[in-house]
Protein backbone atom coordinates (compact mmCIF):
# COMPACT_ATOMS: atom_id res chain seq x y z
CA MET A 1 -87.85 -116.12 24.14
CA ASN A 2 -86.99 -118.89 21.72
CA LYS A 3 -88.35 -118.92 18.19
CA ASP A 4 -89.02 -121.73 15.75
CA PHE A 5 -86.39 -121.31 13.05
CA LYS A 6 -87.81 -123.89 10.63
CA GLY A 7 -89.44 -121.15 8.57
CA ILE A 8 -86.25 -119.15 8.06
CA GLU A 9 -84.25 -122.32 7.36
CA GLU A 10 -86.74 -123.25 4.64
CA LYS A 11 -86.53 -119.72 3.19
CA ILE A 12 -82.74 -119.79 2.94
CA GLY A 13 -82.44 -123.47 2.05
CA VAL A 14 -80.07 -124.32 4.90
CA ARG A 15 -80.59 -126.63 7.87
CA PHE A 16 -78.20 -125.52 10.56
CA VAL A 17 -76.07 -128.09 12.31
CA ASN A 18 -75.18 -125.52 14.96
CA GLY A 19 -78.44 -123.74 15.78
CA ALA A 20 -76.64 -121.35 18.12
CA LEU A 21 -75.00 -119.71 15.10
CA LEU A 22 -78.39 -118.91 13.60
CA LYS A 23 -79.66 -117.54 16.91
CA GLU A 24 -76.56 -115.37 17.20
CA ALA A 25 -77.06 -114.02 13.67
CA LEU A 26 -80.57 -112.92 14.61
CA THR A 27 -79.66 -111.32 17.95
CA HIS A 28 -79.35 -107.53 17.89
CA ARG A 29 -77.13 -105.83 20.44
CA SER A 30 -80.15 -104.07 21.99
CA TYR A 31 -81.77 -107.39 22.96
CA LEU A 32 -78.91 -108.21 25.33
CA ASN A 33 -79.60 -105.01 27.26
CA GLU A 34 -82.92 -106.52 28.33
CA HIS A 35 -81.80 -110.17 28.52
CA SER A 36 -78.46 -110.41 30.30
CA ASP A 37 -78.72 -114.20 30.53
CA TRP A 38 -79.10 -114.68 26.75
CA PRO A 39 -77.04 -117.74 25.73
CA VAL A 40 -75.40 -116.25 22.60
CA PRO A 41 -73.60 -112.95 21.84
CA HIS A 42 -75.04 -110.24 19.59
CA ASN A 43 -74.58 -110.54 15.84
CA GLU A 44 -71.95 -107.88 15.09
CA ARG A 45 -69.01 -110.29 14.74
CA LEU A 46 -71.02 -112.43 12.33
CA GLU A 47 -72.05 -109.27 10.48
CA TYR A 48 -68.37 -108.39 10.05
CA LEU A 49 -67.68 -111.83 8.58
CA GLY A 50 -70.80 -111.88 6.44
CA ASP A 51 -70.00 -108.47 4.96
CA ALA A 52 -66.69 -109.79 3.63
CA VAL A 53 -68.16 -113.08 2.41
CA THR A 54 -71.07 -111.35 0.63
CA GLU A 55 -68.71 -108.94 -1.10
CA LEU A 56 -66.41 -111.77 -2.22
CA ILE A 57 -69.28 -113.85 -3.62
CA THR A 58 -70.76 -110.84 -5.41
CA THR A 59 -67.40 -109.72 -6.79
CA ASP A 60 -66.58 -113.20 -8.04
CA PHE A 61 -70.00 -113.54 -9.70
CA LEU A 62 -69.77 -110.17 -11.47
CA PHE A 63 -66.17 -110.75 -12.54
CA LYS A 64 -67.12 -114.02 -14.25
CA LYS A 65 -70.46 -112.86 -15.68
CA PHE A 66 -69.12 -109.69 -17.31
CA PRO A 67 -65.64 -110.41 -18.71
CA ASP A 68 -65.73 -107.29 -20.89
CA ARG A 69 -66.88 -104.77 -18.26
CA GLN A 70 -64.40 -102.43 -16.63
CA GLU A 71 -63.67 -102.20 -12.92
CA GLY A 72 -65.70 -99.02 -12.38
CA GLU A 73 -68.89 -100.47 -13.81
CA LEU A 74 -68.49 -103.75 -11.90
CA THR A 75 -67.96 -101.74 -8.72
CA SER A 76 -71.20 -99.82 -9.37
CA PHE A 77 -73.12 -103.07 -9.91
CA ARG A 78 -71.71 -104.50 -6.68
CA ALA A 79 -72.47 -101.34 -4.71
CA ALA A 80 -76.11 -101.48 -5.83
CA LEU A 81 -76.39 -105.10 -4.69
CA VAL A 82 -74.66 -104.87 -1.31
CA ASN A 83 -75.99 -101.53 -0.02
CA TYR A 84 -78.28 -101.45 3.01
CA GLN A 85 -81.41 -100.70 0.94
CA MET A 86 -81.06 -103.81 -1.21
CA MET A 87 -80.00 -106.08 1.64
CA GLY A 88 -82.84 -104.72 3.79
CA LYS A 89 -85.25 -105.51 0.96
CA VAL A 90 -83.86 -109.04 0.61
CA ALA A 91 -84.08 -109.54 4.38
CA ARG A 92 -87.80 -108.74 4.19
CA GLU A 93 -88.27 -111.06 1.22
CA ILE A 94 -86.96 -113.99 3.26
CA ALA A 95 -89.02 -112.79 6.28
CA LEU A 96 -85.93 -112.17 8.38
CA ASP A 97 -87.71 -109.38 10.25
CA LYS A 98 -90.03 -111.95 11.86
CA TYR A 99 -87.14 -113.79 13.49
CA LEU A 100 -84.98 -110.98 14.89
CA TYR A 101 -84.35 -110.60 18.60
CA LEU A 102 -84.68 -106.86 19.28
CA SER A 103 -85.26 -104.69 22.30
CA LYS A 104 -88.77 -103.31 22.71
CA GLY A 105 -87.49 -99.90 21.65
CA GLU A 106 -85.81 -101.18 18.48
CA GLU A 107 -88.93 -103.14 17.54
CA LYS A 108 -90.77 -99.84 17.21
CA ASP A 109 -88.17 -98.31 14.89
CA SER A 110 -89.04 -97.84 11.24
CA GLY A 111 -87.58 -96.22 8.17
CA LYS A 112 -83.85 -96.19 7.63
CA ALA A 113 -83.02 -97.39 11.15
CA ARG A 114 -85.00 -100.60 10.65
CA GLU A 115 -83.61 -101.15 7.16
CA VAL A 116 -80.05 -100.89 8.51
CA ILE A 117 -80.83 -103.41 11.25
CA LEU A 118 -82.27 -105.79 8.66
CA ALA A 119 -79.30 -105.33 6.32
CA ASN A 120 -76.87 -105.99 9.15
CA ALA A 121 -78.82 -109.08 10.18
CA PHE A 122 -78.71 -110.34 6.61
CA GLU A 123 -74.91 -110.01 6.60
CA ALA A 124 -74.77 -111.78 9.96
CA LEU A 125 -76.94 -114.55 8.50
CA VAL A 126 -74.51 -114.93 5.60
CA GLY A 127 -71.68 -115.19 8.12
CA SER A 128 -73.51 -117.87 10.08
CA VAL A 129 -74.29 -119.92 6.95
CA TYR A 130 -70.63 -119.68 5.95
CA LEU A 131 -69.44 -121.01 9.31
CA ASP A 132 -72.09 -123.72 9.51
CA ALA A 133 -72.34 -124.95 5.93
CA GLY A 134 -69.24 -123.71 4.08
CA TYR A 135 -68.53 -121.46 1.13
CA GLU A 136 -70.41 -123.31 -1.64
CA LYS A 137 -73.68 -123.43 0.27
CA THR A 138 -73.26 -119.77 1.16
CA ARG A 139 -72.56 -118.87 -2.46
CA GLU A 140 -75.73 -120.66 -3.58
CA PHE A 141 -77.75 -118.82 -0.95
CA VAL A 142 -76.35 -115.35 -1.76
CA GLU A 143 -76.75 -115.85 -5.51
CA ARG A 144 -80.33 -117.05 -5.09
CA VAL A 145 -81.65 -114.34 -2.78
CA LEU A 146 -79.41 -111.32 -3.41
CA ILE A 147 -77.60 -111.55 -6.75
CA SER A 148 -80.86 -112.63 -8.39
CA HIS A 149 -81.75 -108.91 -8.20
CA LEU A 150 -78.98 -108.04 -10.65
CA ASP A 151 -81.31 -107.81 -13.68
CA GLU A 152 -83.49 -105.38 -11.73
CA VAL A 153 -80.42 -103.34 -10.78
CA ILE A 154 -79.32 -103.04 -14.41
CA GLN A 155 -82.74 -102.55 -16.01
CA GLU A 156 -83.84 -99.88 -13.53
CA GLY A 157 -80.46 -98.16 -13.44
CA LEU A 158 -80.16 -98.70 -9.69
CA TYR A 159 -76.38 -98.87 -10.04
CA ARG A 160 -76.34 -95.27 -11.21
CA ASP A 161 -76.44 -92.20 -8.99
CA PRO A 162 -80.15 -91.24 -8.93
CA LYS A 163 -79.41 -87.51 -9.20
CA SER A 164 -77.31 -87.97 -12.34
CA LEU A 165 -79.87 -90.30 -13.89
CA LEU A 166 -82.75 -87.91 -13.13
CA GLN A 167 -80.81 -84.99 -14.61
CA GLU A 168 -80.27 -86.90 -17.87
CA ILE A 169 -83.95 -87.79 -18.16
CA VAL A 170 -85.28 -84.33 -17.27
CA GLN A 171 -82.86 -82.55 -19.58
CA GLU A 172 -83.86 -84.86 -22.41
CA LYS A 173 -87.63 -84.74 -21.82
CA LEU A 174 -88.19 -81.26 -20.38
CA LYS A 175 -85.05 -79.35 -21.40
CA LEU A 176 -84.59 -78.39 -17.73
CA THR A 177 -82.01 -79.08 -15.03
CA PRO A 178 -83.48 -80.32 -11.72
CA THR A 179 -82.78 -78.18 -8.65
CA TYR A 180 -82.96 -79.15 -4.98
CA ARG A 181 -84.19 -77.13 -2.02
CA VAL A 182 -84.30 -77.99 1.68
CA LEU A 183 -87.95 -77.89 2.73
CA ALA A 184 -87.51 -78.76 6.39
CA GLU A 185 -84.95 -79.62 9.05
CA ASN A 186 -86.04 -81.48 12.17
CA GLY A 187 -84.39 -82.92 15.26
CA PRO A 188 -81.29 -82.07 17.30
CA ASP A 189 -77.96 -81.43 15.58
CA HIS A 190 -76.68 -84.96 16.19
CA GLN A 191 -79.89 -86.54 14.82
CA LYS A 192 -80.92 -84.00 12.19
CA LYS A 193 -83.42 -85.10 9.55
CA PHE A 194 -83.76 -83.20 6.28
CA THR A 195 -86.65 -83.01 3.85
CA VAL A 196 -85.61 -81.94 0.36
CA GLY A 197 -87.72 -81.16 -2.69
CA VAL A 198 -86.57 -81.66 -6.26
CA PHE A 199 -87.94 -79.01 -8.62
CA PHE A 200 -88.38 -78.94 -12.37
CA GLY A 201 -88.35 -75.20 -12.89
CA ASP A 202 -90.75 -73.78 -10.28
CA THR A 203 -92.70 -77.04 -9.96
CA ILE A 204 -91.91 -79.49 -7.18
CA ALA A 205 -91.63 -82.98 -8.61
CA ALA A 206 -90.95 -85.05 -5.51
CA GLU A 207 -89.78 -84.95 -1.90
CA GLY A 208 -87.28 -87.12 -0.07
CA GLY A 209 -85.86 -87.39 3.40
CA GLY A 210 -82.60 -88.38 5.01
CA THR A 211 -80.13 -87.79 7.80
CA SER A 212 -78.01 -85.58 5.52
CA LYS A 213 -78.84 -83.15 2.72
CA GLN A 214 -77.09 -85.44 0.23
CA GLU A 215 -79.11 -88.45 1.32
CA ALA A 216 -82.34 -86.46 1.19
CA GLU A 217 -81.51 -85.18 -2.31
CA SER A 218 -80.83 -88.73 -3.51
CA SER A 219 -84.10 -89.88 -1.96
CA ALA A 220 -86.01 -87.05 -3.70
CA ALA A 221 -84.37 -87.91 -7.03
CA ARG A 222 -85.28 -91.56 -6.57
CA MET A 223 -88.91 -90.64 -5.86
CA ALA A 224 -88.99 -88.49 -8.99
CA LEU A 225 -87.56 -91.37 -11.02
CA ASN A 226 -90.28 -93.64 -9.64
CA SER A 227 -92.87 -91.12 -10.83
CA PHE A 228 -91.39 -91.19 -14.33
CA GLU A 229 -91.50 -95.00 -14.23
CA ASP A 230 -95.15 -95.01 -13.10
CA THR A 231 -96.06 -92.57 -15.89
CA LYS A 232 -94.31 -94.77 -18.42
CA LYS A 233 -96.32 -97.82 -17.24
CA GLU A 234 -99.57 -95.87 -17.49
CA ASP A 235 -98.73 -94.77 -21.02
CA ASN A 236 -98.15 -98.39 -21.98
């Protein structure tokens, strides 16, 4: 199945000279299991390249923008920009999910699994732009669609560990320390999913899920922070 890539090229502002590179960037490994005669390889090599290129562009941007910030803070900013959640979000914003070649099984996936696929495809796309159009065009693309979220990262404290940030807010507002409890465990040992609740005293404030207790706790903390943010907007 061939797709019309004009839409994605318009979204990213790049017209590919070598269209096979773009097709490769959008081909997930699972698709080849069902299409052995597919003319391009899966996107994992391009993902490897795009990961390095994205990190370099982001590091260079942050280094120049914040000459007075220390390494640790710059690293936190970068981590918030290049994690799978943010890159998955950016992939959706440029409608990358509409152009992916996935197996029928992978097409049905949702949640974290789909976000990781999208994030990896975004990195592969960066790698393909780099090979086809060069560094400057790639830098313009990454700054426009990914690094443009930097203000959001800083203003919403996304570069900070959500558990630490929630603890600061709750201690200040409620004079309490949040606690976390596992509410449920589902699935086999190698694919365990945890549901964790964050409690303010005896009151549950939010729930979160993940493939580890730590991930589920962070998710619960993030949900609680979103509730605080929604309350703040209502008060205004």
